[in-house]
PDB file of N, CA and C in Angstrom:
ATOM      1  N   UNK A   1       4.948 -11.421  14.262  1.00  0.00           N
ATOM      2  CA  UNK A   1       4.606 -11.044  12.907  1.00  0.00           C
ATOM      3  C   UNK A   1       4.900  -9.559  12.714  1.00  0.00           C
ATOM      4  N   UNK A   2       5.777  -9.216  11.776  1.00  0.00           N
ATOM      5  CA  UNK A   2       6.028  -7.799  11.517  1.00  0.00           C
ATOM      6  C   UNK A   2       4.829  -7.159  10.817  1.00  0.00           C
ATOM      7  N   UNK A   3       4.421  -6.014  11.303  1.00  0.00           N
ATOM      8  CA  UNK A   3       3.264  -5.334  10.727  1.00  0.00           C
ATOM      9  C   UNK A   3       3.666  -4.540   9.484  1.00  0.00           C
ATOM     10  N   UNK A   4       4.779  -3.837   9.556  1.00  0.00           N
ATOM     11  CA  UNK A   4       5.262  -3.061   8.419  1.00  0.00           C
ATOM     12  C   UNK A   4       6.256  -3.941   7.669  1.00  0.00           C
ATOM     13  N   UNK A   5       5.792  -4.531   6.551  1.00  0.00           N
ATOM     14  CA  UNK A   5       6.623  -5.422   5.763  1.00  0.00           C
ATOM     15  C   UNK A   5       6.264  -5.297   4.288  1.00  0.00           C
ATOM     16  N   UNK A   6       7.160  -5.732   3.432  1.00  0.00           N
ATOM     17  CA  UNK A   6       6.941  -5.657   1.991  1.00  0.00           C
ATOM     18  C   UNK A   6       5.731  -6.501   1.619  1.00  0.00           C
ATOM     19  N   UNK A   7       4.810  -5.904   0.858  1.00  0.00           N
ATOM     20  CA  UNK A   7       3.604  -6.608   0.420  1.00  0.00           C
ATOM     21  C   UNK A   7       2.386  -6.361   1.279  1.00  0.00           C
ATOM     22  N   UNK A   8       2.541  -5.730   2.423  1.00  0.00           N
ATOM     23  CA  UNK A   8       1.405  -5.448   3.315  1.00  0.00           C
ATOM     24  C   UNK A   8       0.525  -4.371   2.694  1.00  0.00           C
ATOM     25  N   UNK A   9      -0.768  -4.586   2.661  1.00  0.00           N
ATOM     26  CA  UNK A   9      -1.719  -3.591   2.169  1.00  0.00           C
ATOM     27  C   UNK A   9      -2.092  -2.691   3.342  1.00  0.00           C
ATOM     28  N   UNK A  10      -2.014  -1.377   3.110  1.00  0.00           N
ATOM     29  CA  UNK A  10      -2.275  -0.388   4.153  1.00  0.00           C
ATOM     30  C   UNK A  10      -3.287   0.636   3.655  1.00  0.00           C
ATOM     31  N   UNK A  11      -3.752   1.462   4.564  1.00  0.00           N
ATOM     32  CA  UNK A  11      -4.630   2.589   4.240  1.00  0.00           C
ATOM     33  C   UNK A  11      -3.906   3.865   4.644  1.00  0.00           C
ATOM     34  N   UNK A  12      -3.816   4.817   3.730  1.00  0.00           N
ATOM     35  CA  UNK A  12      -3.229   6.123   4.064  1.00  0.00           C
ATOM     36  C   UNK A  12      -4.222   6.855   4.953  1.00  0.00           C
ATOM     37  N   UNK A  13      -3.757   7.374   6.093  1.00  0.00           N
ATOM     38  CA  UNK A  13      -4.667   8.049   7.016  1.00  0.00           C
ATOM     39  C   UNK A  13      -4.393   9.546   7.099  1.00  0.00           C
ATOM     40  N   UNK A  14      -3.331  10.025   6.462  1.00  0.00           N
ATOM     41  CA  UNK A  14      -2.962  11.435   6.501  1.00  0.00           C
ATOM     42  C   UNK A  14      -2.585  11.865   5.087  1.00  0.00           C
ATOM     43  N   UNK A  15      -2.887  13.113   4.759  1.00  0.00           N
ATOM     44  CA  UNK A  15      -2.462  13.669   3.481  1.00  0.00           C
ATOM     45  C   UNK A  15      -3.563  13.683   2.443  1.00  0.00           C
ATOM     46  N   UNK A  16      -3.190  14.115   1.245  1.00  0.00           N
ATOM     47  CA  UNK A  16      -4.185  14.262   0.175  1.00  0.00           C
ATOM     48  C   UNK A  16      -4.737  12.931  -0.301  1.00  0.00           C
ATOM     49  N   UNK A  17      -4.023  11.846  -0.030  1.00  0.00           N
ATOM     50  CA  UNK A  17      -4.472  10.516  -0.442  1.00  0.00           C
ATOM     51  C   UNK A  17      -5.118   9.749   0.713  1.00  0.00           C
ATOM     52  N   UNK A  18      -5.505  10.445   1.761  1.00  0.00           N
ATOM     53  CA  UNK A  18      -6.103   9.800   2.936  1.00  0.00           C
ATOM     54  C   UNK A  18      -7.338   9.005   2.531  1.00  0.00           C
ATOM     55  N   UNK A  19      -7.424   7.791   3.025  1.00  0.00           N
ATOM     56  CA  UNK A  19      -8.546   6.917   2.706  1.00  0.00           C
ATOM     57  C   UNK A  19      -8.253   5.962   1.563  1.00  0.00           C
ATOM     58  N   UNK A  20      -7.165   6.166   0.841  1.00  0.00           N
ATOM     59  CA  UNK A  20      -6.808   5.288  -0.271  1.00  0.00           C
ATOM     60  C   UNK A  20      -5.949   4.138   0.245  1.00  0.00           C
ATOM     61  N   UNK A  21      -6.097   2.987  -0.379  1.00  0.00           N
ATOM     62  CA  UNK A  21      -5.287   1.830  -0.012  1.00  0.00           C
ATOM     63  C   UNK A  21      -3.978   1.871  -0.786  1.00  0.00           C
ATOM     64  N   UNK A  22      -2.943   1.279  -0.200  1.00  0.00           N
ATOM     65  CA  UNK A  22      -1.623   1.247  -0.825  1.00  0.00           C
ATOM     66  C   UNK A  22      -0.910  -0.034  -0.423  1.00  0.00           C
ATOM     67  N   UNK A  23       0.202  -0.306  -1.093  1.00  0.00           N
ATOM     68  CA  UNK A  23       1.001  -1.492  -0.817  1.00  0.00           C
ATOM     69  C   UNK A  23       2.404  -1.043  -0.412  1.00  0.00           C
ATOM     70  N   UNK A  24       2.952  -1.626   0.630  1.00  0.00           N
ATOM     71  CA  UNK A  24       4.328  -1.316   1.025  1.00  0.00           C
ATOM     72  C   UNK A  24       5.268  -2.043   0.069  1.00  0.00           C
ATOM     73  N   UNK A  25       6.142  -1.262  -0.577  1.00  0.00           N
ATOM     74  CA  UNK A  25       7.073  -1.798  -1.555  1.00  0.00           C
ATOM     75  C   UNK A  25       8.443  -2.033  -0.930  1.00  0.00           C
ATOM     76  N   UNK A  26       8.810  -1.177   0.023  1.00  0.00           N
ATOM     77  CA  UNK A  26      10.127  -1.278   0.639  1.00  0.00           C
ATOM     78  C   UNK A  26      10.073  -0.638   2.019  1.00  0.00           C
ATOM     79  N   UNK A  27      10.760  -1.225   2.980  1.00  0.00           N
ATOM     80  CA  UNK A  27      10.887  -0.645   4.316  1.00  0.00           C
ATOM     81  C   UNK A  27      12.240   0.049   4.361  1.00  0.00           C
ATOM     82  N   UNK A  28      12.227   1.385   4.529  1.00  0.00           N
ATOM     83  CA  UNK A  28      13.467   2.162   4.527  1.00  0.00           C
ATOM     84  C   UNK A  28      14.177   2.026   5.865  1.00  0.00           C
ATOM     85  N   UNK A  29      13.478   2.356   6.940  1.00  0.00           N
ATOM     86  CA  UNK A  29      13.999   2.192   8.288  1.00  0.00           C
ATOM     87  C   UNK A  29      12.820   2.080   9.240  1.00  0.00           C
ATOM     88  N   UNK A  30      13.047   2.279  10.543  1.00  0.00           N
ATOM     89  CA  UNK A  30      11.951   2.090  11.502  1.00  0.00           C
ATOM     90  C   UNK A  30      10.885   3.174  11.409  1.00  0.00           C
ATOM     91  N   UNK A  31      11.157   4.279  10.699  1.00  0.00           N
ATOM     92  CA  UNK A  31      10.190   5.374  10.599  1.00  0.00           C
ATOM     93  C   UNK A  31       9.582   5.555   9.214  1.00  0.00           C
ATOM     94  N   UNK A  32      10.209   5.027   8.182  1.00  0.00           N
ATOM     95  CA  UNK A  32       9.748   5.300   6.818  1.00  0.00           C
ATOM     96  C   UNK A  32       9.615   4.029   5.990  1.00  0.00           C
ATOM     97  N   UNK A  33       8.675   4.081   5.034  1.00  0.00           N
ATOM     98  CA  UNK A  33       8.477   2.992   4.082  1.00  0.00           C
ATOM     99  C   UNK A  33       8.150   3.610   2.724  1.00  0.00           C
ATOM    100  N   UNK A  34       8.404   2.862   1.671  1.00  0.00           N
ATOM    101  CA  UNK A  34       8.034   3.286   0.320  1.00  0.00           C
ATOM    102  C   UNK A  34       6.744   2.556  -0.029  1.00  0.00           C
ATOM    103  N   UNK A  35       5.738   3.324  -0.486  1.00  0.00           N
ATOM    104  CA  UNK A  35       4.434   2.746  -0.821  1.00  0.00           C
ATOM    105  C   UNK A  35       4.071   3.088  -2.258  1.00  0.00           C
ATOM    106  N   UNK A  36       3.093   2.356  -2.784  1.00  0.00           N
ATOM    107  CA  UNK A  36       2.510   2.672  -4.082  1.00  0.00           C
ATOM    108  C   UNK A  36       1.076   2.184  -4.077  1.00  0.00           C
ATOM    109  N   UNK A  37       0.279   2.723  -5.000  1.00  0.00           N
ATOM    110  CA  UNK A  37      -1.143   2.378  -5.094  1.00  0.00           C
ATOM    111  C   UNK A  37      -1.437   1.073  -5.806  1.00  0.00           C
ATOM    112  N   UNK A  38      -0.923   0.821  -6.939  1.00  0.00           N
ATOM    113  CA  UNK A  38      -0.192   1.628  -7.917  1.00  0.00           C
ATOM    114  C   UNK A  38      -1.051   2.751  -8.500  1.00  0.00           C
ATOM    115  N   UNK A  39      -0.397   3.724  -9.108  1.00  0.00           N
ATOM    116  CA  UNK A  39      -1.070   4.913  -9.630  1.00  0.00           C
ATOM    117  C   UNK A  39      -2.178   4.567 -10.616  1.00  0.00           C
ATOM    118  N   UNK A  40      -1.977   3.523 -11.437  1.00  0.00           N
ATOM    119  CA  UNK A  40      -2.989   3.120 -12.423  1.00  0.00           C
ATOM    120  C   UNK A  40      -4.250   2.589 -11.756  1.00  0.00           C
ATOM    121  N   UNK A  41      -4.133   2.099 -10.535  1.00  0.00           N
ATOM    122  CA  UNK A  41      -5.271   1.492  -9.839  1.00  0.00           C
ATOM    123  C   UNK A  41      -6.072   2.530  -9.059  1.00  0.00           C
ATOM    124  N   UNK A  42      -5.379   3.355  -8.235  1.00  0.00           N
ATOM    125  CA  UNK A  42      -6.129   4.285  -7.380  1.00  0.00           C
ATOM    126  C   UNK A  42      -5.448   5.638  -7.183  1.00  0.00           C
ATOM    127  N   UNK A  43      -4.545   6.015  -8.082  1.00  0.00           N
ATOM    128  CA  UNK A  43      -3.890   7.338  -8.077  1.00  0.00           C
ATOM    129  C   UNK A  43      -2.972   7.582  -6.882  1.00  0.00           C
ATOM    130  N   UNK A  44      -2.494   6.553  -6.199  1.00  0.00           N
ATOM    131  CA  UNK A  44      -1.507   6.734  -5.144  1.00  0.00           C
ATOM    132  C   UNK A  44      -0.138   6.528  -5.782  1.00  0.00           C
ATOM    133  N   UNK A  45       0.648   7.606  -5.800  1.00  0.00           N
ATOM    134  CA  UNK A  45       1.973   7.544  -6.414  1.00  0.00           C
ATOM    135  C   UNK A  45       2.951   6.806  -5.512  1.00  0.00           C
ATOM    136  N   UNK A  46       4.007   6.277  -6.121  1.00  0.00           N
ATOM    137  CA  UNK A  46       5.085   5.649  -5.355  1.00  0.00           C
ATOM    138  C   UNK A  46       5.831   6.752  -4.625  1.00  0.00           C
ATOM    139  N   UNK A  47       5.914   6.635  -3.302  1.00  0.00           N
ATOM    140  CA  UNK A  47       6.586   7.659  -2.507  1.00  0.00           C
ATOM    141  C   UNK A  47       6.988   7.113  -1.151  1.00  0.00           C
ATOM    142  N   UNK A  48       7.908   7.827  -0.526  1.00  0.00           N
ATOM    143  CA  UNK A  48       8.360   7.496   0.827  1.00  0.00           C
ATOM    144  C   UNK A  48       7.404   8.177   1.802  1.00  0.00           C
ATOM    145  N   UNK A  49       6.898   7.425   2.767  1.00  0.00           N
ATOM    146  CA  UNK A  49       5.972   7.978   3.756  1.00  0.00           C
ATOM    147  C   UNK A  49       6.411   7.593   5.161  1.00  0.00           C
ATOM    148  N   UNK A  50       5.999   8.399   6.108  1.00  0.00           N
ATOM    149  CA  UNK A  50       6.195   8.092   7.521  1.00  0.00           C
ATOM    150  C   UNK A  50       5.229   6.959   7.870  1.00  0.00           C
ATOM    151  N   UNK A  51       5.690   5.958   8.605  1.00  0.00           N
ATOM    152  CA  UNK A  51       4.810   4.827   8.914  1.00  0.00           C
ATOM    153  C   UNK A  51       3.661   5.220   9.845  1.00  0.00           C
ATOM    154  N   UNK A  52       3.762   6.389  10.486  1.00  0.00           N
ATOM    155  CA  UNK A  52       2.655   6.886  11.310  1.00  0.00           C
ATOM    156  C   UNK A  52       1.505   7.384  10.447  1.00  0.00           C
ATOM    157  N   UNK A  53       1.731   7.549   9.143  1.00  0.00           N
ATOM    158  CA  UNK A  53       0.714   8.061   8.229  1.00  0.00           C
ATOM    159  C   UNK A  53      -0.012   6.957   7.477  1.00  0.00           C
ATOM    160  N   UNK A  54       0.291   5.700   7.796  1.00  0.00           N
ATOM    161  CA  UNK A  54      -0.401   4.576   7.174  1.00  0.00           C
ATOM    162  C   UNK A  54      -0.902   3.622   8.246  1.00  0.00           C
ATOM    163  N   UNK A  55      -2.014   2.962   7.962  1.00  0.00           N
ATOM    164  CA  UNK A  55      -2.612   2.005   8.887  1.00  0.00           C
ATOM    165  C   UNK A  55      -2.580   0.630   8.209  1.00  0.00           C
ATOM    166  N   UNK A  56      -1.780  -0.317   8.717  1.00  0.00           N
ATOM    167  CA  UNK A  56      -1.711  -1.642   8.091  1.00  0.00           C
ATOM    168  C   UNK A  56      -3.028  -2.405   8.222  1.00  0.00           C
ATOM    169  N   UNK A  57      -3.347  -3.203   7.219  1.00  0.00           N
ATOM    170  CA  UNK A  57      -4.508  -4.094   7.278  1.00  0.00           C
ATOM    171  C   UNK A  57      -3.987  -5.516   7.445  1.00  0.00           C
ATOM    172  N   UNK A  58      -4.890  -6.465   7.553  1.00  0.00           N
ATOM    173  CA  UNK A  58      -4.481  -7.864   7.680  1.00  0.00           C
ATOM    174  C   UNK A  58      -4.053  -8.441   6.340  1.00  0.00           C
ATOM    175  N   UNK A  59      -4.455  -7.803   5.248  1.00  0.00           N
ATOM    176  CA  UNK A  59      -4.177  -8.335   3.908  1.00  0.00           C
ATOM    177  C   UNK A  59      -2.717  -8.140   3.527  1.00  0.00           C
ATOM    178  N   UNK A  60      -2.199  -9.117   2.788  1.00  0.00           N
ATOM    179  CA  UNK A  60      -0.820  -9.071   2.326  1.00  0.00           C
ATOM    180  C   UNK A  60      -0.742  -9.770   0.984  1.00  0.00           C
ATOM    181  N   UNK A  61       0.085  -9.238   0.081  1.00  0.00           N
ATOM    182  CA  UNK A  61       0.330  -9.898  -1.199  1.00  0.00           C
ATOM    183  C   UNK A  61       1.801 -10.265  -1.272  1.00  0.00           C
ATOM    184  N   UNK A  62       2.101 -11.227  -2.114  1.00  0.00           N
ATOM    185  CA  UNK A  62       3.481 -11.689  -2.240  1.00  0.00           C
ATOM    186  C   UNK A  62       4.145 -10.947  -3.384  1.00  0.00           C
ATOM    187  N   UNK A  63       5.072 -10.040  -3.056  1.00  0.00           N
ATOM    188  CA  UNK A  63       5.839  -9.295  -4.056  1.00  0.00           C
ATOM    189  C   UNK A  63       7.296  -9.237  -3.613  1.00  0.00           C
ATOM    190  N   UNK A  64       8.165  -8.960  -4.579  1.00  0.00           N
ATOM    191  CA  UNK A  64       9.582  -8.784  -4.265  1.00  0.00           C
ATOM    192  C   UNK A  64       9.813  -7.361  -3.770  1.00  0.00           C
ATOM    193  N   UNK A  65      10.891  -7.156  -3.030  1.00  0.00           N
ATOM    194  CA  UNK A  65      11.246  -5.825  -2.551  1.00  0.00           C
ATOM    195  C   UNK A  65      11.485  -4.919  -3.754  1.00  0.00           C
ATOM    196  N   UNK A  66      10.956  -3.706  -3.734  1.00  0.00           N
ATOM    197  CA  UNK A  66      11.090  -2.710  -4.797  1.00  0.00           C
ATOM    198  C   UNK A  66      10.499  -3.204  -6.115  1.00  0.00           C
ATOM    199  N   UNK A  67       9.404  -3.956  -6.061  1.00  0.00           N
ATOM    200  CA  UNK A  67       8.756  -4.480  -7.260  1.00  0.00           C
ATOM    201  C   UNK A  67       8.171  -3.337  -8.093  1.00  0.00           C
ATOM    202  N   UNK A  68       8.129  -3.532  -9.400  1.00  0.00           N
ATOM    203  CA  UNK A  68       7.551  -2.544 -10.312  1.00  0.00           C
ATOM    204  C   UNK A  68       6.028  -2.551 -10.170  1.00  0.00           C
ATOM    205  N   UNK A  69       5.396  -1.439 -10.574  1.00  0.00           N
ATOM    206  CA  UNK A  69       3.944  -1.325 -10.464  1.00  0.00           C
ATOM    207  C   UNK A  69       3.224  -2.429 -11.239  1.00  0.00           C
ATOM    208  N   UNK A  70       3.752  -2.837 -12.403  1.00  0.00           N
ATOM    209  CA  UNK A  70       3.117  -3.894 -13.197  1.00  0.00           C
ATOM    210  C   UNK A  70       3.119  -5.221 -12.433  1.00  0.00           C
ATOM    211  N   UNK A  71       4.221  -5.511 -11.725  1.00  0.00           N
ATOM    212  CA  UNK A  71       4.303  -6.730 -10.921  1.00  0.00           C
ATOM    213  C   UNK A  71       3.302  -6.689  -9.769  1.00  0.00           C
ATOM    214  N   UNK A  72       3.127  -5.516  -9.192  1.00  0.00           N
ATOM    215  CA  UNK A  72       2.184  -5.364  -8.079  1.00  0.00           C
ATOM    216  C   UNK A  72       0.752  -5.555  -8.575  1.00  0.00           C
ATOM    217  N   UNK A  73       0.442  -5.006  -9.745  1.00  0.00           N
ATOM    218  CA  UNK A  73      -0.898  -5.177 -10.314  1.00  0.00           C
ATOM    219  C   UNK A  73      -1.173  -6.655 -10.574  1.00  0.00           C
ATOM    220  N   UNK A  74      -0.191  -7.386 -11.113  1.00  0.00           N
ATOM    221  CA  UNK A  74      -0.351  -8.831 -11.349  1.00  0.00           C
ATOM    222  C   UNK A  74      -0.565  -9.579 -10.042  1.00  0.00           C
ATOM    223  N   UNK A  75       0.180  -9.225  -8.990  1.00  0.00           N
ATOM    224  CA  UNK A  75       0.019  -9.877  -7.687  1.00  0.00           C
ATOM    225  C   UNK A  75      -1.359  -9.580  -7.092  1.00  0.00           C
ATOM    226  N   UNK A  76      -1.851  -8.355  -7.288  1.00  0.00           N
ATOM    227  CA  UNK A  76      -3.192  -7.996  -6.804  1.00  0.00           C
ATOM    228  C   UNK A  76      -4.268  -8.777  -7.551  1.00  0.00           C
ATOM    229  N   UNK A  77      -4.083  -8.962  -8.858  1.00  0.00           N
ATOM    230  CA  UNK A  77      -5.037  -9.759  -9.641  1.00  0.00           C
ATOM    231  C   UNK A  77      -5.047 -11.198  -9.157  1.00  0.00           C
ATOM    232  N   UNK A  78      -3.861 -11.749  -8.922  1.00  0.00           N
ATOM    233  CA  UNK A  78      -3.741 -13.138  -8.475  1.00  0.00           C
ATOM    234  C   UNK A  78      -4.410 -13.324  -7.116  1.00  0.00           C
ATOM    235  N   UNK A  79      -4.275 -12.334  -6.232  1.00  0.00           N
ATOM    236  CA  UNK A  79      -4.882 -12.407  -4.896  1.00  0.00           C
ATOM    237  C   UNK A  79      -6.334 -11.930  -4.891  1.00  0.00           C
ATOM    238  N   UNK A  80      -6.850 -11.552  -6.069  1.00  0.00           N
ATOM    239  CA  UNK A  80      -8.228 -11.056  -6.228  1.00  0.00           C
ATOM    240  C   UNK A  80      -8.511  -9.851  -5.336  1.00  0.00           C
ATOM    241  N   UNK A  81      -7.556  -8.927  -5.266  1.00  0.00           N
ATOM    242  CA  UNK A  81      -7.702  -7.718  -4.459  1.00  0.00           C
ATOM    243  C   UNK A  81      -7.652  -6.448  -5.301  1.00  0.00           C
ATOM    244  N   UNK A  82      -7.620  -6.566  -6.617  1.00  0.00           N
ATOM    245  CA  UNK A  82      -7.493  -5.396  -7.479  1.00  0.00           C
ATOM    246  C   UNK A  82      -8.712  -4.479  -7.356  1.00  0.00           C
ATOM    247  N   UNK A  83      -9.905  -5.043  -7.369  1.00  0.00           N
ATOM    248  CA  UNK A  83     -11.131  -4.241  -7.234  1.00  0.00           C
ATOM    249  C   UNK A  83     -11.201  -3.593  -5.852  1.00  0.00           C
ATOM    250  N   UNK A  84     -10.801  -4.329  -4.826  1.00  0.00           N
ATOM    251  CA  UNK A  84     -10.807  -3.819  -3.450  1.00  0.00           C
ATOM    252  C   UNK A  84      -9.864  -2.625  -3.290  1.00  0.00           C
ATOM    253  N   UNK A  85      -8.733  -2.656  -3.976  1.00  0.00           N
ATOM    254  CA  UNK A  85      -7.740  -1.580  -3.880  1.00  0.00           C
ATOM    255  C   UNK A  85      -8.253  -0.270  -4.468  1.00  0.00           C
ATOM    256  N   UNK A  86      -9.117  -0.348  -5.462  1.00  0.00           N
ATOM    257  CA  UNK A  86      -9.595   0.876  -6.106  1.00  0.00           C
ATOM    258  C   UNK A  86     -10.694   1.579  -5.304  1.00  0.00           C
ATOM    259  N   UNK A  87     -11.250   0.912  -4.312  1.00  0.00           N
ATOM    260  CA  UNK A  87     -12.313   1.495  -3.494  1.00  0.00           C
ATOM    261  C   UNK A  87     -11.716   2.234  -2.293  1.00  0.00           C
ATOM    262  N   UNK A  88     -12.031   3.532  -2.106  1.00  0.00           N
ATOM    263  CA  UNK A  88     -11.515   4.262  -0.943  1.00  0.00           C
ATOM    264  C   UNK A  88     -12.170   3.782   0.351  1.00  0.00           C
ATOM    265  N   UNK A  89     -11.495   4.037   1.456  1.00  0.00           N
ATOM    266  CA  UNK A  89     -11.987   3.677   2.781  1.00  0.00           C
ATOM    267  C   UNK A  89     -12.488   4.938   3.455  1.00  0.00           C
ATOM    268  N   UNK A  90     -13.632   4.852   4.126  1.00  0.00           N
ATOM    269  CA  UNK A  90     -14.163   5.997   4.859  1.00  0.00           C
ATOM    270  C   UNK A  90     -13.470   6.059   6.206  1.00  0.00           C
ATOM    271  N   UNK A  91     -12.739   7.149   6.431  1.00  0.00           N
ATOM    272  CA  UNK A  91     -12.002   7.323   7.687  1.00  0.00           C
ATOM    273  C   UNK A  91     -12.882   8.012   8.722  1.00  0.00           C
ATOM    274  N   UNK A  92     -12.787   7.545   9.958  1.00  0.00           N
ATOM    275  CA  UNK A  92     -13.488   8.199  11.058  1.00  0.00           C
ATOM    276  C   UNK A  92     -12.455   8.640  12.072  1.00  0.00           C
ATOM    277  N   UNK A  93     -12.599   9.842  12.535  1.00  0.00           N
ATOM    278  CA  UNK A  93     -11.619  10.388  13.481  1.00  0.00           C
ATOM    279  C   UNK A  93     -12.275  10.630  14.813  1.00  0.00           C
TER     280      UNK A  93
END
């Protein structure tokens, strides 16, 4: 099972958005992925991140590669994860 894949819900563990959940929209290569919150849900902008800066969860939604934020919001509603995405995670180091 690939851990870093399109539709996987992750938690940002580094940076100003640390503790926020995000969705992988596209896998660039073995080191980078494009993620989004979407911004309307939890203020995580669509951006390219190092995969070492995100922690994958077991949750996954079904989306197309490079899906628009509106499509991601609809998929989150369908999977009943929209409320969960808006809640930050408490990180422990």
